[in-house]
Amino acid sequence: MPKYPMLKWLGLSLLAVSLDQATKLWVSGSMQLYESIHIMSGVNLTYVHNTGAAFSFLSEAGGWQRWFFAALAIIISTVIAIWLSRLEIHETLLGVALSLVLGGAIGNLIDRLAYGYVIDFLDVYIPSWHWPAFNIADSAITLGVVLMLLESFGVGKAKD
């Protein structure tokens, strides 16, 4: 059976990276650091820098985490790219999932290498409890992981 064209999946990854980087450039170019703009109930745009990983994990670690997380993103991106190149034509949901994770990882890697931190700006909250700020790349990674979990439970697979 022929392999599914990897270019389609890399196109989706490129779209995720493009949306992520465009929104980060817009936020960093139009807002002051720590500025917050109310969008609607439960959602603010709040411009922050995250030197750690998800949920600011290790953000106070002293700087080594920049290179650790950059190396980790490169390794994960390489593994995902190889995985994408080996997908079969019927593995559509897995292809979408992996493409989103890849695009998100690359989007945050670009920030980490260029600035030493990741630009976050989506602030979701319930009255006084705020979820850690995140960005489009984080959203793509999260959606990709959810889709991978669904695929692992048989969602999107053809019935025999």
Protein backbone atom coordinates (compact mmCIF):
# COMPACT_ATOMS: atom_id res chain seq x y z
CA MET A 1 0.00 0.00 0.00
CA PRO A 2 1.44 3.40 -0.91
CA LYS A 3 2.47 5.84 1.79
CA TYR A 4 0.37 8.96 2.26
CA PRO A 5 2.11 12.09 0.97
CA MET A 6 3.96 13.68 3.85
CA LEU A 7 3.70 17.13 2.25
CA LYS A 8 0.01 17.35 3.16
CA TRP A 9 0.88 16.82 6.82
CA LEU A 10 3.80 19.23 6.72
CA GLY A 11 1.44 21.80 5.18
CA LEU A 12 -0.81 21.53 8.24
CA SER A 13 2.23 21.87 10.50
CA LEU A 14 3.31 24.95 8.54
CA LEU A 15 -0.17 26.44 8.98
CA ALA A 16 0.03 25.92 12.76
CA VAL A 17 3.51 27.50 12.88
CA SER A 18 2.37 30.44 10.73
CA LEU A 19 -0.71 31.18 12.83
CA ASP A 20 1.32 30.85 16.01
CA GLN A 21 4.12 33.14 14.89
CA ALA A 22 1.76 35.72 13.36
CA THR A 23 -0.27 36.01 16.58
CA LYS A 24 2.88 36.23 18.71
CA LEU A 25 4.30 38.98 16.49
CA TRP A 26 0.99 40.84 16.65
CA VAL A 27 0.81 40.59 20.46
CA SER A 28 4.45 41.51 21.07
CA GLY A 29 4.21 44.40 18.59
CA SER A 30 0.97 45.89 19.88
CA MET A 31 1.05 45.23 23.64
CA GLN A 32 3.36 46.01 26.52
CA LEU A 33 4.77 43.11 28.54
CA TYR A 34 2.21 42.09 31.21
CA GLU A 35 -0.48 44.24 29.60
CA SER A 36 -3.88 42.59 29.74
CA ILE A 37 -6.89 43.27 27.51
CA HIS A 38 -10.30 41.89 28.44
CA ILE A 39 -11.82 40.01 25.47
CA MET A 40 -14.89 38.45 27.04
CA SER A 41 -15.95 36.80 30.26
CA GLY A 42 -13.26 34.29 31.14
CA VAL A 43 -10.75 35.34 28.46
CA ASN A 44 -8.07 38.03 28.41
CA LEU A 45 -5.16 38.73 26.11
CA THR A 46 -2.25 38.99 28.54
CA TYR A 47 1.25 39.35 27.11
CA VAL A 48 3.84 37.34 29.07
CA HIS A 49 7.20 35.66 28.51
CA ASN A 50 7.55 32.02 29.55
CA THR A 51 11.13 30.80 30.05
CA GLY A 52 9.91 27.38 31.22
CA ALA A 53 7.86 24.64 29.68
CA ALA A 54 4.11 24.09 29.84
CA PHE A 55 2.49 25.93 32.73
CA SER A 56 5.81 27.76 33.35
CA PHE A 57 7.41 24.53 34.62
CA LEU A 58 11.10 25.27 35.42
CA SER A 59 10.72 28.95 34.50
CA GLU A 60 12.95 29.94 37.43
CA ALA A 61 15.66 27.36 36.70
CA GLY A 62 18.42 29.80 35.79
CA GLY A 63 18.63 29.60 32.00
CA TRP A 64 19.75 26.04 31.24
CA GLN A 65 16.13 25.07 30.56
CA ARG A 66 16.12 27.16 27.36
CA TRP A 67 18.58 24.80 25.71
CA PHE A 68 17.14 21.69 27.31
CA PHE A 69 13.63 22.45 26.01
CA ALA A 70 15.01 23.51 22.62
CA ALA A 71 16.92 20.22 22.28
CA LEU A 72 13.87 18.27 23.43
CA ALA A 73 11.70 20.05 20.82
CA ILE A 74 14.23 19.25 18.07
CA ILE A 75 14.34 15.57 19.05
CA ILE A 76 10.54 15.30 19.31
CA SER A 77 10.06 17.14 16.01
CA THR A 78 12.49 14.79 14.27
CA VAL A 79 10.71 11.71 15.63
CA ILE A 80 7.31 13.11 14.59
CA ALA A 81 8.56 13.98 11.09
CA ILE A 82 9.85 10.42 10.64
CA TRP A 83 6.55 9.05 11.99
CA LEU A 84 4.59 11.25 9.55
CA SER A 85 6.70 10.00 6.64
CA ARG A 86 5.71 6.43 7.48
CA LEU A 87 1.95 6.89 7.84
CA GLU A 88 -0.35 4.84 5.69
CA ILE A 89 -3.04 6.49 3.56
CA HIS A 90 -5.85 5.51 5.97
CA GLU A 91 -4.15 7.05 9.05
CA THR A 92 -5.74 10.47 8.59
CA LEU A 93 -6.61 11.30 12.20
CA LEU A 94 -3.13 10.33 13.37
CA GLY A 95 -1.64 12.46 10.59
CA VAL A 96 -3.64 15.49 11.68
CA ALA A 97 -2.71 14.88 15.33
CA LEU A 98 1.01 14.52 14.66
CA SER A 99 1.01 17.53 12.33
CA LEU A 100 -0.52 19.74 15.00
CA VAL A 101 1.96 18.57 17.64
CA LEU A 102 4.83 19.13 15.20
CA GLY A 103 3.63 22.62 14.26
CA GLY A 104 3.18 23.59 17.90
CA ALA A 105 6.58 22.26 18.90
CA ILE A 106 8.27 24.17 16.08
CA GLY A 107 6.32 27.36 16.87
CA ASN A 108 7.52 27.37 20.47
CA LEU A 109 11.03 26.27 19.42
CA ILE A 110 11.32 29.34 17.18
CA ASP A 111 10.56 31.59 20.16
CA ARG A 112 12.93 29.75 22.47
CA LEU A 113 15.82 30.00 20.00
CA ALA A 114 15.10 33.59 18.91
CA TYR A 115 14.23 35.18 22.26
CA GLY A 116 15.13 32.76 25.04
CA TYR A 117 11.47 32.52 26.07
CA VAL A 118 8.09 31.65 24.60
CA ILE A 119 5.51 34.39 24.03
CA ASP A 120 2.22 33.51 25.70
CA PHE A 121 -0.92 35.62 25.60
CA LEU A 122 -4.13 33.64 26.00
CA ASP A 123 -5.37 34.02 29.59
CA VAL A 124 -8.38 31.87 30.44
CA TYR A 125 -9.90 32.22 33.88
CA ILE A 126 -12.83 31.46 36.14
CA PRO A 127 -13.59 34.37 38.53
CA SER A 128 -10.23 34.53 40.33
CA TRP A 129 -8.49 31.34 39.12
CA HIS A 130 -6.34 31.78 36.01
CA TRP A 131 -5.12 28.94 33.84
CA PRO A 132 -1.44 29.56 32.97
CA ALA A 133 -1.18 31.76 29.87
CA PHE A 134 -0.69 29.89 26.61
CA ASN A 135 -0.48 30.49 22.85
CA ILE A 136 -1.55 29.02 19.50
CA ALA A 137 1.37 26.55 19.51
CA ASP A 138 0.31 25.23 22.92
CA SER A 139 -3.25 24.92 21.63
CA ALA A 140 -2.08 22.98 18.56
CA ILE A 141 -0.03 20.62 20.75
CA THR A 142 -2.95 20.07 23.13
CA LEU A 143 -5.42 19.44 20.30
CA GLY A 144 -2.93 17.09 18.64
CA VAL A 145 -2.47 15.07 21.84
CA VAL A 146 -6.25 14.84 22.34
CA LEU A 147 -6.64 13.61 18.75
CA MET A 148 -3.85 11.06 19.30
CA LEU A 149 -5.66 9.76 22.38
CA LEU A 150 -8.94 9.51 20.47
CA GLU A 151 -7.17 7.70 17.63
CA SER A 152 -5.62 5.27 20.11
CA PHE A 153 -9.15 4.37 21.28
CA GLY A 154 -10.23 3.61 17.72
CA VAL A 155 -11.84 6.91 16.71
CA GLY A 156 -11.37 7.52 12.99
CA LYS A 157 -10.36 3.93 12.20
CA ALA A 158 -12.23 2.01 9.54
CA LYS A 159 -14.42 -0.84 10.77
CA ASP A 160 -13.37 -4.27 9.48
